[in-house]
Amino acid sequence: MQTVTHWINGTQAEQAADSRFGEITNPATGKVSGRVAFASTATVGEAVSAAAAAFPAWRDTSLARRVQILFNFRELLNARKGELAAIITAEHGKVLDDAFGEISRGQEIVEFACGIPHILKGGYTENASTKVDVHSIRQPLGVAAVISPFNFPAMVPMWFFPMAIASGNTVVLKPSEKDPTAANWMAELWHEAGLPAGVFNVVHGDKEAVDALLDHPEIKSVSFVGSTPIAKYVYERGTAHGKRVQALGGAKNHMLVLPDADLDLAADAAVNAGFGAAGERCMAISAIVAVESVADELVAKIAERTRTLRVGDGMRGCDMGPLVTAAHRDRVAGYIDAGEAAGASLVLDGRHVSPDAEGDGFFLNPTLFDHVTPEMSIYTDEIFGPVLSVVRVPGYDEGLQLINDNPYGNGTAIFTNDGGAARRFENEVQVGMVGINVPIPVPMAYYSFGGWKNSLFGDTHAHGAEGVHFFTRGKVVTSRWLDPSHGGINLGFPQNA
């Protein structure tokens, strides 16, 4: 049985005598495959100290050299992504194709970071005042903490650490204790790519490790992805300690389907976005807002497609894998119970499942509810499982209002062939990421990723230009190089001339 320990200062850390441990489980079989060491406050301090010690040299490393190492990492990742995908499937449970997709989207951020010399270019104004020049630069912050969730053990960390490292920062990553091995695999890949020791570190653990990062004075920024209550906690505690924080929270993503939409396309999208990765995505569609005139036909098409899905071990070519833990599987099943009790129409009941898997995995079948109303818990709560709810509305205005009234604002989509309706929707909807006939509108690396309302705490989104700005701070230099003679003493306030 493997033991996953921390990666500190370029090497696998020794197991501390007082270490606490958590179990690593294969969700498809229910079998424990290893254990992960939980970092104490002292161990987190060691990792932060290593990162802080490495920062001055890495900050002063040329952009050309940084890009060479980033490109090496990209090439190694591309050549060996099959190894990482297998690790993700074994510990998270998502099917292998989905794991490959996650890695590819993370790799796009690495590729974007390879262009850091252009992105970090400052501005220059010659002769702003007589013989006075002004230029701006952006400089790294120092040690950046990344606290990432279980559902994307490779992609979400890669939203942050390529930009942080490319910008000249050093990093301490705290991945989810549920699927920790991917983080160490990436740390070893950085080492192989030539990244100096201490620039990228990994600590594993629970709340003690998180709090130690939020409180440590050498941590200058915190990037977090997780549930809204924890995102708010991270934001409040981190900013209280003077840190720059971007905390991405939960979601309740709606898909509005208008009467003129291609219903076959909409049904395909609903199934893909609702049940991919067993619904364990912050960009999953969990609420279909269907205009009443097409709701019956749309629900029938979604149900028809859902019945064809094969649920089982992600290594066996199935369409949908297990949920991440037994406790989470039971929590999601509890929402199915609650929806049925509240009077929603249970079109497909996911509690009855015969998965293609060995052992006692954590499976549910895809579940479809119709006639869901906004006061039901299956609508109000982020279930984070394969439960799709259909809410019926009279028309566009009522659907838009329903979406805008929701406390979350992460992602949304509209399905229509009416360009005017689509343009109006993108203008009026109060959500950070919008898809038009696209069910999971995850932006490209050169755009920002982030929601509105209770889906984001902090004012900076992930990756893109906003990511670079998050991991750097601006400095403006005003300079004058004089002739041998000077103008003498003048105590007046400087004036442009």
Protein backbone atom coordinates (compact mmCIF):
# COMPACT_ATOMS: atom_id res chain seq x y z
CA MET A 1 0.00 0.00 0.00
CA GLN A 2 1.48 3.34 -1.07
CA THR A 3 2.00 6.26 1.31
CA VAL A 4 1.82 9.71 -0.26
CA THR A 5 3.90 12.27 1.61
CA HIS A 6 4.78 15.88 0.95
CA TRP A 7 7.07 17.30 -1.72
CA ILE A 8 9.28 19.95 -0.16
CA ASN A 9 12.35 21.67 -1.59
CA GLY A 10 12.66 19.41 -4.61
CA THR A 11 12.30 16.03 -2.94
CA GLN A 12 9.84 13.65 -1.32
CA ALA A 13 9.66 14.60 2.35
CA GLU A 14 10.33 12.08 5.07
CA GLN A 15 7.32 10.83 6.98
CA ALA A 16 7.13 12.69 10.30
CA ALA A 17 6.87 10.63 13.48
CA ASP A 18 3.70 12.46 14.55
CA SER A 19 2.00 12.33 11.13
CA ARG A 20 -1.70 11.82 10.83
CA PHE A 21 -2.98 9.98 7.77
CA GLY A 22 -6.03 9.74 5.56
CA GLU A 23 -7.08 6.83 3.37
CA ILE A 24 -6.89 6.89 -0.43
CA THR A 25 -9.71 4.86 -1.95
CA ASN A 26 -10.49 3.68 -5.46
CA PRO A 27 -14.11 4.84 -5.83
CA ALA A 28 -14.87 2.25 -8.50
CA THR A 29 -14.02 -0.70 -6.24
CA GLY A 30 -14.39 0.76 -2.77
CA LYS A 31 -10.96 -0.60 -1.87
CA VAL A 32 -8.34 1.39 0.02
CA SER A 33 -5.30 1.77 -2.23
CA GLY A 34 -3.03 3.82 0.00
CA ARG A 35 -2.76 6.53 2.58
CA VAL A 36 -1.77 10.18 2.56
CA ALA A 37 0.14 12.03 5.27
CA PHE A 38 -1.57 15.07 6.75
CA ALA A 39 0.76 18.02 7.26
CA SER A 40 1.04 19.64 10.66
CA THR A 41 1.42 23.39 10.99
CA ALA A 42 5.16 22.81 11.39
CA THR A 43 5.37 20.80 8.16
CA VAL A 44 3.50 23.50 6.28
CA GLY A 45 6.01 25.96 7.72
CA GLU A 46 8.87 23.88 6.29
CA ALA A 47 7.33 23.99 2.83
CA VAL A 48 6.68 27.72 3.01
CA SER A 49 10.23 28.34 4.24
CA ALA A 50 11.60 26.34 1.30
CA ALA A 51 9.47 28.37 -1.11
CA ALA A 52 10.49 31.65 0.51
CA ALA A 53 14.18 30.73 0.33
CA ALA A 54 13.85 29.84 -3.36
CA PHE A 55 11.98 33.02 -4.26
CA PRO A 56 14.83 35.57 -4.65
CA ALA A 57 16.76 33.44 -7.14
CA TRP A 58 13.65 32.44 -9.08
CA ARG A 59 12.41 36.04 -9.18
CA ASP A 60 15.72 37.05 -10.72
CA THR A 61 15.82 34.15 -13.18
CA SER A 62 15.50 35.49 -16.72
CA LEU A 63 12.20 35.23 -18.54
CA ALA A 64 13.98 33.26 -21.24
CA ARG A 65 15.09 30.61 -18.75
CA ARG A 66 11.68 30.45 -17.07
CA VAL A 67 10.04 29.84 -20.43
CA GLN A 68 12.51 27.06 -21.25
CA ILE A 69 11.52 25.24 -18.06
CA LEU A 70 7.81 25.82 -18.68
CA PHE A 71 8.17 24.44 -22.18
CA ASN A 72 10.06 21.40 -20.84
CA PHE A 73 7.19 20.80 -18.41
CA ARG A 74 4.67 21.11 -21.23
CA GLU A 75 6.54 18.58 -23.38
CA LEU A 76 6.91 16.09 -20.54
CA LEU A 77 3.24 16.46 -19.63
CA ASN A 78 2.18 15.93 -23.22
CA ALA A 79 4.32 12.81 -23.58
CA ARG A 80 3.23 11.23 -20.30
CA LYS A 81 -0.35 12.40 -19.82
CA GLY A 82 -1.51 8.79 -19.94
CA GLU A 83 0.21 8.15 -16.59
CA LEU A 84 -1.52 11.12 -15.01
CA ALA A 85 -4.92 10.20 -16.46
CA ALA A 86 -4.67 6.71 -14.96
CA ILE A 87 -3.84 8.21 -11.54
CA ILE A 88 -6.85 10.53 -11.73
CA THR A 89 -9.24 7.75 -12.70
CA ALA A 90 -7.94 5.45 -9.97
CA GLU A 91 -8.38 8.04 -7.20
CA HIS A 92 -11.20 10.30 -8.39
CA GLY A 93 -13.23 7.78 -10.40
CA LYS A 94 -13.96 9.82 -13.53
CA VAL A 95 -13.70 7.86 -16.75
CA LEU A 96 -10.36 7.79 -18.53
CA ASP A 97 -11.46 9.97 -21.46
CA ASP A 98 -12.65 12.62 -19.03
CA ALA A 99 -9.32 12.50 -17.20
CA PHE A 100 -7.48 13.05 -20.49
CA GLY A 101 -9.76 16.00 -21.20
CA GLU A 102 -8.99 17.53 -17.81
CA ILE A 103 -5.25 17.27 -18.44
CA SER A 104 -5.56 18.81 -21.89
CA ARG A 105 -7.43 21.82 -20.55
CA GLY A 106 -4.81 22.27 -17.85
CA GLN A 107 -2.05 21.98 -20.44
CA GLU A 108 -3.58 24.95 -22.27
CA ILE A 109 -2.74 27.11 -19.26
CA VAL A 110 0.86 25.88 -19.33
CA GLU A 111 1.03 26.77 -23.01
CA PHE A 112 -0.40 30.23 -22.32
CA ALA A 113 2.19 30.73 -19.56
CA CYS A 114 4.95 30.00 -22.08
CA GLY A 115 4.10 33.40 -23.54
CA ILE A 116 4.87 35.19 -20.27
CA PRO A 117 7.55 37.52 -21.73
CA HIS A 118 4.94 39.16 -23.91
CA ILE A 119 2.29 39.21 -21.17
CA LEU A 120 4.61 40.82 -18.62
CA LYS A 121 5.74 43.62 -20.92
CA GLY A 122 5.40 46.96 -19.21
CA GLY A 123 4.71 50.39 -20.64
CA TYR A 124 7.14 53.23 -21.33
CA THR A 125 6.57 56.96 -21.82
CA GLU A 126 9.50 59.04 -22.97
CA ASN A 127 9.63 62.71 -21.99
CA ALA A 128 6.45 62.61 -19.89
CA SER A 129 7.79 65.83 -18.44
CA THR A 130 10.89 67.63 -19.72
CA LYS A 131 13.68 65.04 -19.65
CA VAL A 132 11.55 62.86 -17.36
CA ASP A 133 10.67 59.31 -18.49
CA VAL A 134 8.10 57.02 -16.89
CA HIS A 135 7.83 53.24 -17.18
CA SER A 136 5.74 50.54 -15.54
CA ILE A 137 6.70 47.01 -14.57
CA ARG A 138 4.98 44.09 -12.90
CA GLN A 139 6.84 42.08 -10.29
CA PRO A 140 6.06 38.76 -8.55
CA LEU A 141 4.50 38.68 -5.08
CA GLY A 142 6.55 35.95 -3.39
CA VAL A 143 5.12 32.66 -2.12
CA ALA A 144 1.73 31.73 -3.62
CA ALA A 145 -0.54 29.13 -1.99
CA VAL A 146 -2.90 27.03 -4.11
CA ILE A 147 -5.68 25.05 -2.38
CA SER A 148 -7.41 22.81 -4.90
CA PRO A 149 -10.48 20.50 -4.85
CA PHE A 150 -10.92 16.80 -5.50
CA ASN A 151 -12.93 17.03 -8.71
CA PHE A 152 -10.08 18.25 -10.94
CA PRO A 153 -6.83 17.15 -9.29
CA ALA A 154 -4.74 18.18 -12.32
CA MET A 155 -6.63 20.92 -14.15
CA VAL A 156 -7.52 23.21 -11.25
CA PRO A 157 -3.97 23.40 -9.86
CA MET A 158 -2.86 24.14 -13.42
CA TRP A 159 -5.26 27.09 -13.52
CA PHE A 160 -2.88 28.74 -11.08
CA PHE A 161 0.65 27.40 -10.72
CA PRO A 162 1.84 27.87 -14.34
CA MET A 163 0.97 31.58 -14.17
CA ALA A 164 2.41 31.95 -10.67
CA ILE A 165 5.69 30.25 -11.58
CA ALA A 166 6.02 31.96 -14.95
CA SER A 167 5.55 35.33 -13.25
CA GLY A 168 8.45 34.62 -10.86
CA ASN A 169 6.61 33.40 -7.77
CA THR A 170 7.17 30.21 -5.84
CA VAL A 171 4.28 27.89 -4.97
CA VAL A 172 2.95 25.71 -2.18
CA LEU A 173 0.10 23.48 -3.42
CA LYS A 174 -2.35 21.85 -1.01
CA PRO A 175 -4.42 19.37 -3.08
CA SER A 176 -7.48 17.46 -1.92
CA GLU A 177 -6.68 14.62 0.43
CA LYS A 178 -9.16 12.45 -1.52
CA ASP A 179 -6.97 12.21 -4.65
CA PRO A 180 -3.51 13.50 -3.73
CA THR A 181 -1.16 11.54 -5.98
CA ALA A 182 -1.58 13.72 -9.07
CA ALA A 183 -0.01 16.68 -7.25
CA ASN A 184 3.15 14.73 -6.40
CA TRP A 185 3.33 13.40 -9.95
CA MET A 186 3.29 16.96 -11.27
CA ALA A 187 5.91 18.01 -8.71
CA GLU A 188 8.25 15.30 -9.96
CA LEU A 189 7.57 16.40 -13.53
CA TRP A 190 8.57 19.98 -12.62
CA HIS A 191 11.79 18.62 -11.12
CA GLU A 192 12.51 16.65 -14.29
CA ALA A 193 11.80 19.78 -16.35
CA GLY A 194 14.56 21.64 -14.52
CA LEU A 195 12.60 23.75 -12.05
CA PRO A 196 14.88 24.69 -9.12
CA ALA A 197 14.22 23.09 -5.75
CA GLY A 198 11.76 24.98 -3.59
CA VAL A 199 9.92 26.73 -6.43
CA PHE A 200 7.09 24.15 -6.42
CA ASN A 201 6.12 22.38 -3.19
CA VAL A 202 3.22 20.13 -2.18
CA VAL A 203 1.73 19.65 1.27
CA HIS A 204 -1.17 17.30 1.95
CA GLY A 205 -3.71 17.49 4.71
CA ASP A 206 -6.95 18.84 6.06
CA LYS A 207 -8.09 22.01 7.80
CA GLU A 208 -4.91 22.29 9.85
CA ALA A 209 -2.82 22.56 6.69
CA VAL A 210 -5.24 25.03 5.10
CA ASP A 211 -5.28 27.27 8.18
CA ALA A 212 -1.50 27.16 8.39
CA LEU A 213 -1.28 28.46 4.82
CA LEU A 214 -3.89 31.15 5.43
CA ASP A 215 -2.08 32.37 8.55
CA HIS A 216 1.57 32.12 7.49
CA PRO A 217 3.12 35.57 7.04
CA GLU A 218 5.31 34.45 4.11
CA ILE A 219 2.28 33.46 2.02
CA LYS A 220 1.45 36.45 -0.15
CA SER A 221 -1.48 35.10 -2.17
CA VAL A 222 -4.04 32.32 -1.91
CA SER A 223 -5.90 30.70 -4.81
CA PHE A 224 -8.79 28.43 -3.79
CA VAL A 225 -11.50 26.39 -5.51
CA GLY A 226 -14.21 24.59 -3.55
CA SER A 227 -17.63 24.99 -2.00
CA THR A 228 -19.06 28.43 -1.29
CA PRO A 229 -18.96 28.19 2.53
CA ILE A 230 -15.27 27.21 2.49
CA ALA A 231 -14.46 29.77 -0.22
CA LYS A 232 -15.94 32.49 1.98
CA TYR A 233 -13.96 31.19 4.97
CA VAL A 234 -10.72 31.14 2.98
CA TYR A 235 -11.34 34.65 1.67
CA GLU A 236 -12.14 36.13 5.06
CA ARG A 237 -9.30 34.45 6.94
CA GLY A 238 -6.74 35.02 4.18
CA THR A 239 -7.54 38.70 3.69
CA ALA A 240 -7.59 39.21 7.46
CA HIS A 241 -3.93 38.18 7.35
CA GLY A 242 -3.16 40.65 4.59
CA LYS A 243 -3.09 38.22 1.69
CA ARG A 244 -4.35 38.61 -1.84
CA VAL A 245 -7.11 35.99 -2.23
CA GLN A 246 -9.11 34.57 -5.13
CA ALA A 247 -11.63 32.06 -3.77
CA LEU A 248 -13.86 30.36 -6.33
CA GLY A 249 -16.96 28.86 -4.74
CA GLY A 250 -19.91 26.69 -5.66
CA ALA A 251 -22.43 26.79 -8.46
CA LYS A 252 -25.96 26.05 -9.56
CA ASN A 253 -25.63 26.27 -13.31
CA HIS A 254 -28.79 26.76 -15.37
CA MET A 255 -29.42 25.96 -19.02
CA LEU A 256 -32.29 27.93 -20.55
CA VAL A 257 -33.96 26.19 -23.51
CA LEU A 258 -36.17 28.37 -25.72
CA PRO A 259 -38.94 27.02 -28.00
CA ASP A 260 -36.93 27.64 -31.19
CA ALA A 261 -33.92 25.64 -29.98
CA ASP A 262 -32.69 22.48 -31.67
CA LEU A 263 -34.04 20.09 -29.03
CA ASP A 264 -31.81 17.21 -30.08
CA LEU A 265 -28.76 19.42 -29.60
CA ALA A 266 -30.15 20.69 -26.28
CA ALA A 267 -30.85 17.16 -25.04
CA ASP A 268 -27.37 15.98 -25.96
CA ALA A 269 -25.91 18.99 -24.15
CA ALA A 270 -28.03 18.43 -21.05
CA VAL A 271 -26.87 14.83 -20.73
CA ASN A 272 -23.22 15.64 -21.40
CA ALA A 273 -23.09 18.62 -19.05
CA GLY A 274 -25.30 17.13 -16.38
CA PHE A 275 -23.82 13.66 -16.02
CA GLY A 276 -20.20 14.01 -17.16
CA ALA A 277 -17.82 13.17 -14.28
CA ALA A 278 -20.93 12.02 -12.37
CA GLY A 279 -21.96 15.67 -12.02
CA GLU A 280 -18.89 16.45 -9.92
CA ARG A 281 -17.98 19.60 -11.85
CA CYS A 282 -18.32 23.22 -10.81
CA MET A 283 -19.41 23.87 -14.41
CA ALA A 284 -21.95 21.03 -14.54
CA ILE A 285 -25.47 21.90 -15.66
CA SER A 286 -27.77 20.90 -12.83
CA ALA A 287 -30.92 22.89 -13.67
CA ILE A 288 -32.62 22.81 -17.07
CA VAL A 289 -34.93 25.82 -17.42
CA ALA A 290 -37.35 24.70 -20.14
CA VAL A 291 -40.00 26.88 -21.70
CA GLU A 292 -43.28 25.06 -21.09
CA SER A 293 -44.22 24.63 -24.73
CA VAL A 294 -41.21 22.36 -25.40
CA ALA A 295 -40.65 20.90 -21.93
CA ASP A 296 -42.41 17.56 -22.50
CA GLU A 297 -40.49 16.85 -25.69
CA LEU A 298 -37.17 17.97 -24.19
CA VAL A 299 -37.58 15.82 -21.07
CA ALA A 300 -38.43 12.79 -23.21
CA LYS A 301 -35.33 13.30 -25.34
CA ILE A 302 -33.08 13.71 -22.27
CA ALA A 303 -34.52 10.57 -20.69
CA GLU A 304 -34.10 8.57 -23.91
CA ARG A 305 -30.41 9.47 -24.12
CA THR A 306 -29.74 9.00 -20.42
CA ARG A 307 -31.05 5.44 -20.47
CA THR A 308 -28.27 4.49 -22.89
CA LEU A 309 -25.45 5.51 -20.54
CA ARG A 310 -23.19 2.80 -19.18
CA VAL A 311 -22.13 3.34 -15.56
CA GLY A 312 -19.08 1.62 -14.10
CA ASP A 313 -15.34 1.59 -13.62
CA GLY A 314 -13.69 4.43 -15.50
CA MET A 315 -10.99 2.06 -16.77
CA ARG A 316 -13.56 -0.06 -18.63
CA GLY A 317 -14.70 2.42 -21.24
CA CYS A 318 -17.89 3.33 -19.39
CA ASP A 319 -19.72 6.63 -19.92
CA MET A 320 -19.93 7.62 -16.25
CA GLY A 321 -17.91 6.55 -13.24
CA PRO A 322 -18.58 6.51 -9.49
CA LEU A 323 -18.83 9.36 -7.03
CA VAL A 324 -15.68 10.14 -5.11
CA THR A 325 -16.57 8.66 -1.69
CA ALA A 326 -19.26 6.52 -0.10
CA ALA A 327 -20.30 9.46 2.09
CA HIS A 328 -20.77 11.70 -0.92
CA ARG A 329 -22.69 8.98 -2.78
CA ASP A 330 -25.04 8.69 0.21
CA ARG A 331 -25.42 12.48 0.40
CA VAL A 332 -26.45 12.67 -3.25
CA ALA A 333 -28.86 9.75 -2.81
CA GLY A 334 -30.38 11.71 0.08
CA TYR A 335 -31.18 14.55 -2.31
CA ILE A 336 -32.99 12.10 -4.58
CA ASP A 337 -35.05 11.04 -1.57
CA ALA A 338 -35.76 14.69 -0.76
CA GLY A 339 -36.78 15.58 -4.30
CA GLU A 340 -39.20 12.68 -4.47
CA ALA A 341 -40.67 13.59 -1.08
CA ALA A 342 -41.08 17.23 -2.15
CA GLY A 343 -43.28 16.22 -5.08
CA ALA A 344 -40.95 16.52 -8.07
CA SER A 345 -41.59 14.02 -10.86
CA LEU A 346 -38.87 11.37 -10.74
CA VAL A 347 -38.37 10.47 -14.40
CA LEU A 348 -35.18 8.41 -13.88
CA ASP A 349 -34.22 7.08 -10.45
CA GLY A 350 -30.44 6.77 -10.03
CA ARG A 351 -30.63 4.90 -6.75
CA HIS A 352 -31.08 1.60 -8.61
CA VAL A 353 -27.74 0.79 -10.22
CA SER A 354 -25.86 -2.26 -11.47
CA PRO A 355 -22.46 -0.87 -12.41
CA ASP A 356 -19.87 -2.45 -14.63
CA ALA A 357 -17.28 -2.73 -11.86
CA GLU A 358 -15.68 -5.09 -9.39
CA GLY A 359 -16.17 -4.72 -5.65
CA ASP A 360 -18.34 -2.24 -3.80
CA GLY A 361 -17.87 1.11 -5.55
CA PHE A 362 -19.68 4.36 -4.90
CA PHE A 363 -22.12 4.42 -7.79
CA LEU A 364 -25.38 6.10 -8.66
CA ASN A 365 -27.14 6.07 -11.99
CA PRO A 366 -28.01 9.39 -13.65
CA THR A 367 -31.15 10.84 -12.12
CA LEU A 368 -33.69 13.08 -13.89
CA PHE A 369 -36.39 15.14 -12.15
CA ASP A 370 -39.16 17.09 -13.88
CA HIS A 371 -41.59 19.69 -12.49
CA VAL A 372 -39.02 20.94 -10.00
CA THR A 373 -39.89 24.17 -8.20
CA PRO A 374 -37.46 26.78 -6.84
CA GLU A 375 -38.14 26.04 -3.16
CA MET A 376 -37.10 22.37 -3.40
CA SER A 377 -33.68 21.44 -2.02
CA ILE A 378 -32.76 19.70 -5.27
CA TYR A 379 -32.98 23.16 -6.86
CA THR A 380 -31.58 25.39 -4.12
CA ASP A 381 -28.55 23.27 -3.14
CA GLU A 382 -25.40 22.40 -5.05
CA ILE A 383 -25.79 18.62 -5.13
CA PHE A 384 -22.52 17.91 -6.98
CA GLY A 385 -23.76 14.63 -8.33
CA PRO A 386 -25.58 13.12 -11.34
CA VAL A 387 -28.94 14.74 -10.58
CA LEU A 388 -30.55 16.88 -13.28
CA SER A 389 -33.61 18.99 -12.46
CA VAL A 390 -36.03 20.43 -15.01
CA VAL A 391 -37.79 23.66 -14.02
CA ARG A 392 -40.58 24.80 -16.34
CA VAL A 393 -41.17 28.48 -17.13
CA PRO A 394 -43.67 30.32 -19.38
CA GLY A 395 -41.02 32.09 -21.43
CA TYR A 396 -37.67 33.84 -21.75
CA ASP A 397 -38.32 36.61 -19.20
CA GLU A 398 -39.31 34.21 -16.45
CA GLY A 399 -36.33 31.95 -17.20
CA LEU A 400 -33.91 34.87 -17.09
CA GLN A 401 -35.39 36.08 -13.81
CA LEU A 402 -35.04 32.62 -12.27
CA ILE A 403 -31.34 32.51 -13.19
CA ASN A 404 -30.64 36.04 -11.98
CA ASP A 405 -32.44 35.44 -8.69
CA ASN A 406 -30.18 32.47 -7.90
CA PRO A 407 -27.43 33.25 -5.37
CA TYR A 408 -24.82 31.51 -7.54
CA GLY A 409 -23.42 32.97 -10.74
CA ASN A 410 -20.75 30.62 -12.02
CA GLY A 411 -21.81 29.37 -15.46
CA THR A 412 -24.96 29.35 -17.55
CA ALA A 413 -26.13 28.52 -21.06
CA ILE A 414 -28.93 29.34 -23.47
CA PHE A 415 -30.08 27.13 -26.31
CA THR A 416 -31.80 29.01 -29.11
CA ASN A 417 -31.60 29.76 -32.84
CA ASP A 418 -32.68 33.36 -32.23
CA GLY A 419 -29.63 35.63 -32.40
CA GLY A 420 -31.50 38.51 -30.79
CA ALA A 421 -32.54 36.39 -27.82
CA ALA A 422 -28.98 35.09 -27.44
CA ARG A 423 -27.51 38.59 -27.55
CA ARG A 424 -30.05 39.82 -25.02
CA PHE A 425 -29.27 36.88 -22.74
CA GLU A 426 -25.51 37.43 -22.75
CA ASN A 427 -26.14 41.08 -21.89
CA GLU A 428 -28.78 40.59 -19.19
CA VAL A 429 -27.77 37.41 -17.37
CA GLN A 430 -25.90 37.94 -14.10
CA VAL A 431 -23.41 35.10 -14.44
CA GLY A 432 -19.66 35.13 -15.03
CA MET A 433 -19.40 32.58 -17.84
CA VAL A 434 -22.07 32.26 -20.53
CA GLY A 435 -22.57 29.64 -23.23
CA ILE A 436 -24.73 30.13 -26.33
CA ASN A 437 -25.60 26.65 -27.60
CA VAL A 438 -22.54 25.57 -25.57
CA PRO A 439 -23.40 23.68 -22.37
CA ILE A 440 -20.12 23.99 -20.42
CA PRO A 441 -18.72 27.44 -21.25
CA VAL A 442 -15.25 26.94 -19.77
CA PRO A 443 -13.15 29.75 -21.26
CA MET A 444 -9.92 29.26 -23.16
CA ALA A 445 -6.67 29.86 -21.26
CA TYR A 446 -6.29 33.40 -22.57
CA TYR A 447 -9.67 34.41 -21.08
CA SER A 448 -10.46 34.50 -17.38
CA PHE A 449 -12.35 31.79 -15.47
CA GLY A 450 -14.63 32.92 -12.68
CA GLY A 451 -18.18 33.44 -11.56
CA TRP A 452 -20.25 36.19 -9.98
CA LYS A 453 -22.19 36.48 -6.73
CA ASN A 454 -21.60 33.58 -4.29
CA SER A 455 -19.45 31.76 -6.84
CA LEU A 456 -16.44 34.04 -6.32
CA PHE A 457 -14.92 35.84 -3.36
CA GLY A 458 -12.30 38.35 -4.39
CA ASP A 459 -12.18 40.52 -7.48
CA THR A 460 -9.82 38.53 -9.69
CA HIS A 461 -10.68 35.51 -11.83
CA ALA A 462 -8.38 32.61 -12.65
CA HIS A 463 -5.92 32.39 -15.59
CA GLY A 464 -5.75 34.69 -18.59
CA ALA A 465 -4.50 38.24 -18.12
CA GLU A 466 -6.32 38.45 -14.78
CA GLY A 467 -4.27 35.51 -13.53
CA VAL A 468 -1.03 37.30 -14.40
CA HIS A 469 -2.22 40.44 -12.62
CA PHE A 470 -3.19 38.39 -9.56
CA PHE A 471 0.29 36.94 -9.22
CA THR A 472 2.10 40.23 -9.82
CA ARG A 473 1.95 43.79 -8.55
CA GLY A 474 2.56 46.97 -10.44
CA LYS A 475 5.41 49.39 -10.00
CA VAL A 476 5.82 52.73 -11.78
CA VAL A 477 9.29 54.26 -12.12
CA THR A 478 9.78 57.95 -12.87
CA SER A 479 13.36 58.82 -13.87
CA ARG A 480 15.37 61.84 -14.89
CA TRP A 481 18.97 61.74 -16.04
CA LEU A 482 20.40 65.25 -15.80
CA ASP A 483 23.19 67.16 -17.43
CA PRO A 484 26.15 67.80 -15.10
CA SER A 485 24.46 71.01 -13.96
CA HIS A 486 21.14 70.89 -12.12
CA GLY A 487 18.30 73.22 -11.41
CA GLY A 488 18.97 73.89 -7.74
CA ILE A 489 16.66 73.49 -4.77
CA ASN A 490 12.91 73.92 -5.16
CA LEU A 491 10.59 72.87 -2.34
CA GLY A 492 7.44 73.30 -4.39
CA PHE A 493 5.29 70.31 -5.37
CA PRO A 494 6.62 68.75 -8.60
CA GLN A 495 4.74 69.99 -11.68
CA ASN A 496 4.74 68.65 -15.20
CA ALA A 497 6.17 71.03 -17.72
